[in-house]
N, C-alpha and C. Protein backbone atom coordinates (compact mmCIF):
# COMPACT_ATOMS: atom_id res chain seq x y z
N UNK A 1 -19.59 15.21 6.18
CA UNK A 1 -19.16 13.91 6.74
C UNK A 1 -18.13 13.35 5.86
N UNK A 2 -17.03 12.92 5.84
CA UNK A 2 -16.14 12.17 5.06
C UNK A 2 -16.55 10.70 4.68
N UNK A 3 -16.28 10.25 3.64
CA UNK A 3 -16.66 9.00 3.23
C UNK A 3 -15.44 8.04 3.78
N UNK A 4 -15.71 6.68 4.36
CA UNK A 4 -14.71 6.00 4.81
C UNK A 4 -14.46 4.91 3.90
N UNK A 5 -13.34 4.75 2.93
CA UNK A 5 -12.87 4.02 2.13
C UNK A 5 -12.59 2.87 2.58
N UNK A 6 -12.20 2.28 3.95
CA UNK A 6 -11.62 1.35 4.54
C UNK A 6 -12.16 -0.02 3.83
N UNK A 7 -13.52 -0.07 4.12
CA UNK A 7 -14.08 -1.22 3.45
C UNK A 7 -14.10 -1.68 2.41
N UNK A 8 -13.87 -0.75 1.34
CA UNK A 8 -13.69 -0.81 -0.04
C UNK A 8 -12.25 -1.06 -0.69
N UNK A 9 -11.32 -0.93 0.23
CA UNK A 9 -9.76 -1.10 -0.08
C UNK A 9 -9.97 -2.62 -0.29
N UNK A 10 -8.54 -2.71 -1.28
CA UNK A 10 -8.41 -4.42 -1.60
C UNK A 10 -7.93 -4.94 -0.05
N UNK A 11 -8.56 -6.32 -0.48
CA UNK A 11 -8.38 -7.03 1.00
C UNK A 11 -6.91 -7.50 1.47
N UNK A 12 -6.62 -8.08 2.27
CA UNK A 12 -5.38 -8.27 2.72
C UNK A 12 -4.89 -9.44 2.03
N UNK A 13 -3.81 -9.56 1.37
CA UNK A 13 -3.13 -11.19 0.78
C UNK A 13 -2.96 -11.84 1.89
N UNK A 14 -3.19 -13.20 1.50
CA UNK A 14 -2.71 -14.30 2.27
C UNK A 14 -1.70 -15.28 2.03
N UNK A 15 -1.29 -16.18 2.89
CA UNK A 15 -0.18 -17.33 2.59
C UNK A 15 1.01 -16.59 2.04
N UNK A 16 1.40 -15.48 2.56
CA UNK A 16 2.73 -14.90 2.49
C UNK A 16 4.01 -15.87 2.93
N UNK A 17 4.61 -15.92 1.73
CA UNK A 17 6.09 -16.86 1.98
C UNK A 17 7.35 -16.10 1.67
N UNK A 18 8.21 -16.41 1.96
CA UNK A 18 9.67 -15.97 1.57
C UNK A 18 10.71 -17.15 1.96
N UNK A 19 11.45 -17.03 0.64
CA UNK A 19 12.34 -18.34 0.37
C UNK A 19 13.59 -18.03 -0.47
N UNK A 20 14.78 -18.02 0.23
CA UNK A 20 15.85 -17.77 -0.29
C UNK A 20 16.39 -18.65 -1.35
N UNK A 21 16.74 -18.12 -2.51
CA UNK A 21 17.08 -19.03 -3.74
C UNK A 21 18.56 -19.47 -3.59
N UNK A 22 19.24 -20.10 -4.49
CA UNK A 22 20.58 -20.51 -4.14
C UNK A 22 21.42 -19.52 -4.73
N UNK A 23 21.08 -18.38 -5.61
CA UNK A 23 21.65 -17.34 -5.91
C UNK A 23 21.80 -16.16 -4.98
N UNK A 24 20.97 -16.71 -3.53
CA UNK A 24 21.04 -15.46 -2.61
C UNK A 24 19.78 -14.54 -2.71
N UNK A 25 18.79 -14.51 -3.82
CA UNK A 25 17.86 -13.88 -3.94
C UNK A 25 16.67 -14.37 -3.20
N UNK A 26 15.78 -13.42 -2.63
CA UNK A 26 14.97 -14.08 -1.84
C UNK A 26 13.46 -13.99 -2.36
N UNK A 27 12.74 -14.68 -2.94
CA UNK A 27 11.46 -14.73 -3.36
C UNK A 27 10.37 -14.73 -2.55
N UNK A 28 9.57 -13.71 -2.29
CA UNK A 28 8.61 -13.07 -1.52
C UNK A 28 7.24 -13.16 -2.53
N UNK A 29 6.11 -14.16 -1.90
CA UNK A 29 5.15 -14.50 -2.78
C UNK A 29 3.95 -14.56 -1.91
N UNK A 30 2.66 -14.43 -2.48
CA UNK A 30 1.46 -14.47 -1.61
C UNK A 30 0.30 -14.81 -2.44
N UNK A 31 -0.75 -14.98 -1.68
CA UNK A 31 -2.02 -15.34 -2.61
C UNK A 31 -2.99 -14.29 -2.63
N UNK A 32 -3.34 -13.56 -3.73
CA UNK A 32 -4.51 -12.84 -3.89
C UNK A 32 -5.92 -12.94 -3.23
N UNK A 33 -6.51 -12.25 -2.83
CA UNK A 33 -7.97 -12.23 -2.28
C UNK A 33 -8.84 -11.45 -3.12
N UNK A 34 -9.93 -11.67 -3.17
CA UNK A 34 -11.09 -11.07 -4.15
C UNK A 34 -12.39 -10.87 -3.49
N UNK A 35 -12.93 -9.74 -3.52
CA UNK A 35 -14.51 -9.89 -3.28
C UNK A 35 -15.28 -10.32 -4.56
N UNK A 36 -14.58 -10.31 -5.67
CA UNK A 36 -15.46 -10.86 -6.56
C UNK A 36 -15.53 -12.64 -6.86
N UNK A 37 -16.41 -13.02 -7.21
CA UNK A 37 -16.51 -14.58 -7.19
C UNK A 37 -16.50 -15.12 -5.96
N UNK A 38 -16.81 -14.22 -4.78
CA UNK A 38 -16.77 -14.68 -3.74
C UNK A 38 -15.60 -15.03 -2.96
N UNK A 39 -14.33 -14.76 -3.39
CA UNK A 39 -13.14 -14.91 -2.97
C UNK A 39 -12.89 -16.64 -2.97
N UNK A 40 -13.21 -16.98 -4.18
CA UNK A 40 -13.12 -18.59 -4.36
C UNK A 40 -11.75 -19.30 -3.83
N UNK A 41 -11.74 -20.19 -3.18
CA UNK A 41 -10.51 -20.77 -2.55
C UNK A 41 -10.23 -22.11 -3.36
N UNK A 42 -10.61 -22.15 -4.72
CA UNK A 42 -10.38 -23.28 -5.65
C UNK A 42 -9.38 -23.50 -5.92
N UNK A 43 -8.85 -24.18 -6.96
CA UNK A 43 -7.71 -24.61 -7.66
C UNK A 43 -7.14 -23.47 -8.33
N UNK A 44 -8.22 -22.45 -8.79
CA UNK A 44 -7.42 -21.46 -9.68
C UNK A 44 -7.35 -20.19 -8.91
N UNK A 45 -6.72 -19.20 -9.35
CA UNK A 45 -6.31 -18.01 -8.65
C UNK A 45 -7.75 -17.20 -8.62
N UNK A 46 -7.90 -16.57 -7.32
CA UNK A 46 -9.35 -15.74 -7.07
C UNK A 46 -9.36 -14.49 -8.28
N UNK A 47 -10.21 -14.15 -8.65
CA UNK A 47 -10.68 -13.35 -9.83
C UNK A 47 -9.96 -11.85 -9.63
N UNK A 48 -9.42 -11.48 -10.66
CA UNK A 48 -8.77 -10.11 -10.43
C UNK A 48 -9.85 -8.99 -10.13
N UNK A 49 -9.86 -8.40 -8.94
CA UNK A 49 -11.02 -7.32 -8.60
C UNK A 49 -10.25 -5.99 -9.12
N UNK A 50 -9.04 -5.76 -8.79
CA UNK A 50 -8.53 -4.40 -9.20
C UNK A 50 -7.57 -4.57 -10.35
N UNK A 51 -7.98 -3.71 -11.54
CA UNK A 51 -7.32 -3.93 -12.89
C UNK A 51 -6.52 -2.40 -13.11
N UNK A 52 -5.26 -2.18 -13.42
CA UNK A 52 -4.38 -3.55 -13.55
C UNK A 52 -3.80 -3.90 -12.33
N UNK A 53 -3.25 -5.19 -12.05
CA UNK A 53 -2.94 -5.81 -10.61
C UNK A 53 -1.60 -5.17 -10.51
N UNK A 54 -1.62 -4.78 -9.12
CA UNK A 54 -0.48 -3.84 -8.76
C UNK A 54 -0.24 -4.34 -7.16
N UNK A 55 0.78 -4.28 -6.63
CA UNK A 55 1.24 -4.70 -5.28
C UNK A 55 2.36 -4.01 -4.83
N UNK A 56 2.50 -3.62 -3.53
CA UNK A 56 3.04 -2.74 -2.90
C UNK A 56 4.10 -3.75 -1.59
N UNK A 57 5.33 -4.04 -1.71
CA UNK A 57 5.79 -4.67 -0.70
C UNK A 57 6.98 -3.63 -0.08
N UNK A 58 7.04 -3.71 1.28
CA UNK A 58 7.69 -2.99 1.91
C UNK A 58 8.72 -3.79 2.87
N UNK A 59 10.10 -3.51 2.84
CA UNK A 59 10.89 -4.44 3.65
C UNK A 59 11.33 -3.51 4.90
N UNK A 60 11.27 -4.10 6.03
CA UNK A 60 11.67 -3.49 7.35
C UNK A 60 12.65 -4.07 7.92
N UNK A 61 13.70 -3.33 8.52
CA UNK A 61 14.65 -3.86 9.52
C UNK A 61 14.14 -3.10 11.02
N UNK A 62 13.57 -3.95 11.64
CA UNK A 62 12.65 -3.74 12.80
C UNK A 62 11.61 -2.62 12.43
N UNK A 63 11.71 -1.67 12.88
CA UNK A 63 10.53 -0.51 12.57
C UNK A 63 10.92 0.36 11.61
N UNK A 64 12.25 0.27 10.82
CA UNK A 64 12.77 0.99 10.00
C UNK A 64 12.32 0.53 8.80
N UNK A 65 11.78 1.38 7.75
CA UNK A 65 11.47 0.98 6.48
C UNK A 65 12.93 1.17 5.61
N UNK A 66 13.18 0.01 4.84
CA UNK A 66 14.22 -0.28 4.17
C UNK A 66 14.32 -0.13 2.62
N UNK A 67 13.13 -0.59 2.16
CA UNK A 67 12.89 -0.56 0.69
C UNK A 67 11.25 -0.86 0.47
N UNK A 68 10.97 -0.19 -0.71
CA UNK A 68 9.73 -0.61 -1.26
C UNK A 68 9.81 -1.13 -2.43
N UNK A 69 9.24 -2.19 -2.72
CA UNK A 69 9.29 -2.84 -4.45
C UNK A 69 7.76 -2.93 -4.79
N UNK A 70 7.68 -2.54 -6.09
CA UNK A 70 6.37 -2.63 -6.83
C UNK A 70 6.71 -3.99 -7.19
N UNK A 71 5.26 -4.60 -7.71
CA UNK A 71 5.19 -5.91 -8.49
C UNK A 71 3.86 -5.79 -9.12
N UNK A 72 3.92 -6.35 -10.37
CA UNK A 72 2.45 -6.41 -11.36
C UNK A 72 1.97 -7.79 -11.16
N UNK A 73 2.37 -8.80 -9.93
CA UNK A 73 2.23 -10.32 -9.90
C UNK A 73 2.13 -10.38 -8.49
N UNK A 74 1.51 -11.31 -7.99
CA UNK A 74 1.51 -11.90 -6.66
C UNK A 74 3.07 -12.46 -5.93
N UNK A 75 4.20 -11.74 -6.57
CA UNK A 75 5.57 -12.24 -6.07
C UNK A 75 6.41 -11.04 -6.46
N UNK A 76 7.42 -11.11 -5.69
CA UNK A 76 8.62 -10.31 -6.00
C UNK A 76 9.83 -10.79 -5.52
N UNK A 77 10.97 -10.47 -6.40
CA UNK A 77 12.14 -10.91 -5.74
C UNK A 77 13.09 -9.92 -5.08
N UNK A 78 13.65 -10.07 -3.81
CA UNK A 78 14.37 -9.29 -3.25
C UNK A 78 15.68 -9.45 -3.47
N UNK A 79 16.54 -8.72 -4.37
CA UNK A 79 17.69 -9.23 -5.18
C UNK A 79 18.92 -8.93 -3.91
N UNK A 80 20.09 -9.83 -4.21
CA UNK A 80 21.31 -9.66 -3.63
C UNK A 80 21.78 -8.44 -3.29
N UNK A 81 21.81 -7.44 -4.45
CA UNK A 81 22.34 -6.25 -4.59
C UNK A 81 21.58 -5.19 -3.59
N UNK A 82 20.25 -5.33 -3.49
CA UNK A 82 19.27 -4.72 -2.92
C UNK A 82 19.65 -5.12 -1.43
N UNK A 83 19.67 -6.34 -0.94
CA UNK A 83 19.73 -6.66 0.61
C UNK A 83 20.99 -6.19 0.73
N UNK A 84 22.46 -6.22 -0.05
CA UNK A 84 23.44 -5.63 0.40
C UNK A 84 23.41 -4.14 0.76
N UNK A 85 22.64 -3.40 -0.10
CA UNK A 85 22.44 -1.92 0.08
C UNK A 85 21.75 -1.49 1.44
N UNK A 86 20.67 -2.61 1.50
CA UNK A 86 19.74 -2.22 2.78
C UNK A 86 20.43 -3.05 4.08
N UNK A 87 20.95 -3.95 3.99
CA UNK A 87 21.45 -4.48 5.34
C UNK A 87 23.10 -4.92 5.12
N UNK A 88 23.88 -4.51 4.29
CA UNK A 88 25.11 -4.50 4.38
C UNK A 88 25.61 -6.19 3.88
N UNK A 89 24.77 -6.86 3.43
CA UNK A 89 24.95 -8.10 2.95
C UNK A 89 24.11 -9.07 3.01
N UNK A 90 23.95 -10.27 2.82
CA UNK A 90 22.60 -11.05 2.67
C UNK A 90 21.69 -10.83 3.95
N UNK A 91 20.41 -10.53 3.64
CA UNK A 91 19.52 -10.12 4.82
C UNK A 91 19.21 -11.47 5.37
N UNK A 92 19.26 -11.76 6.62
CA UNK A 92 18.94 -12.74 7.40
C UNK A 92 17.82 -12.86 8.30
N UNK A 93 17.34 -11.79 8.65
CA UNK A 93 16.16 -11.58 9.13
C UNK A 93 15.49 -10.07 9.12
N UNK A 94 14.22 -10.10 8.70
CA UNK A 94 13.34 -8.89 8.44
C UNK A 94 12.01 -9.21 8.19
N UNK A 95 11.22 -8.11 8.56
CA UNK A 95 9.86 -8.39 8.28
C UNK A 95 9.54 -7.29 7.07
N UNK A 96 7.97 -8.08 6.47
CA UNK A 96 7.88 -7.32 5.14
C UNK A 96 6.41 -7.09 5.46
N UNK A 97 5.73 -6.34 4.61
CA UNK A 97 4.21 -6.02 4.44
C UNK A 97 3.89 -6.25 3.20
N UNK A 98 2.84 -6.59 2.95
CA UNK A 98 2.36 -6.40 1.18
C UNK A 98 1.09 -6.29 1.35
N UNK A 99 0.73 -5.36 0.08
CA UNK A 99 -0.79 -4.91 0.08
C UNK A 99 -0.77 -4.55 -1.24
N UNK A 100 -2.04 -4.80 -1.76
CA UNK A 100 -2.68 -4.51 -3.40
C UNK A 100 -2.69 -3.07 -3.11
N UNK A 101 -2.84 -2.68 -4.49
CA UNK A 101 -2.93 -1.26 -4.86
C UNK A 101 -3.87 -1.07 -5.81
N UNK A 102 -5.05 -0.50 -5.35
CA UNK A 102 -6.07 -0.13 -6.68
C UNK A 102 -5.73 1.16 -7.15
N UNK A 103 -6.00 1.11 -8.54
CA UNK A 103 -5.65 2.46 -9.05
C UNK A 103 -6.78 3.49 -8.78
N UNK A 104 -7.85 3.19 -8.02
CA UNK A 104 -8.82 4.10 -7.93
C UNK A 104 -8.64 4.61 -6.40
N UNK A 105 -8.45 3.40 -5.50
CA UNK A 105 -8.62 3.59 -4.25
C UNK A 105 -7.60 3.77 -3.18
N UNK A 106 -6.34 3.31 -4.24
CA UNK A 106 -4.81 3.43 -3.49
C UNK A 106 -4.63 1.95 -2.83
N UNK A 107 -3.57 2.18 -1.65
CA UNK A 107 -2.98 0.90 -1.20
C UNK A 107 -4.32 0.44 -0.33
N UNK A 108 -4.30 -0.94 -0.11
CA UNK A 108 -5.12 -1.48 0.34
C UNK A 108 -4.74 -2.24 1.82
N UNK A 109 -5.49 -3.02 2.41
CA UNK A 109 -4.75 -3.69 3.69
C UNK A 109 -3.80 -4.47 3.40
N UNK A 110 -2.88 -4.09 4.71
CA UNK A 110 -1.46 -4.95 4.39
C UNK A 110 -1.67 -6.32 5.30
N UNK A 111 -0.95 -7.10 4.90
CA UNK A 111 -0.46 -8.51 5.43
C UNK A 111 1.14 -8.44 5.79
N UNK A 112 1.49 -8.70 6.90
CA UNK A 112 2.95 -9.14 7.38
C UNK A 112 3.31 -9.92 7.28
N UNK A 113 4.57 -10.23 7.18
CA UNK A 113 5.34 -11.60 7.23
C UNK A 113 6.83 -11.17 7.75
N UNK A 114 7.38 -12.48 7.91
CA UNK A 114 8.69 -12.49 8.35
C UNK A 114 9.61 -13.31 7.76
N UNK A 115 10.79 -12.68 7.33
CA UNK A 115 11.89 -13.83 6.90
C UNK A 115 12.83 -14.18 7.84
N UNK A 116 13.26 -15.38 7.94
CA UNK A 116 14.49 -15.87 8.95
C UNK A 116 15.24 -16.86 8.41
N UNK A 117 16.09 -16.32 7.84
CA UNK A 117 16.79 -17.16 6.88
C UNK A 117 18.45 -16.63 6.92
């Protein structure tokens, strides 16, 4: 019988946000969750459960994956050059997913977000 790793995978991040900067880049950010310290929701960031911290962000046009971005923190920038390569100009609408990546277990559970701008 195969072991099921789903319950042990990194939790879905929460509070996904996407905001365009004056230079045209888009800042995508989220809040990490953790089973360590009971996923505390206080002022401080939740404890880091999977070290080193690593994230996988995927940009979609409809159901088509356009780009995967890695990040070592709970934010990533989708630059204007990448948007032009993926959408032929500034991206106005797209879906994205973000998941924490464990060095032992792999990619965790994803949260979906939408950019409309």
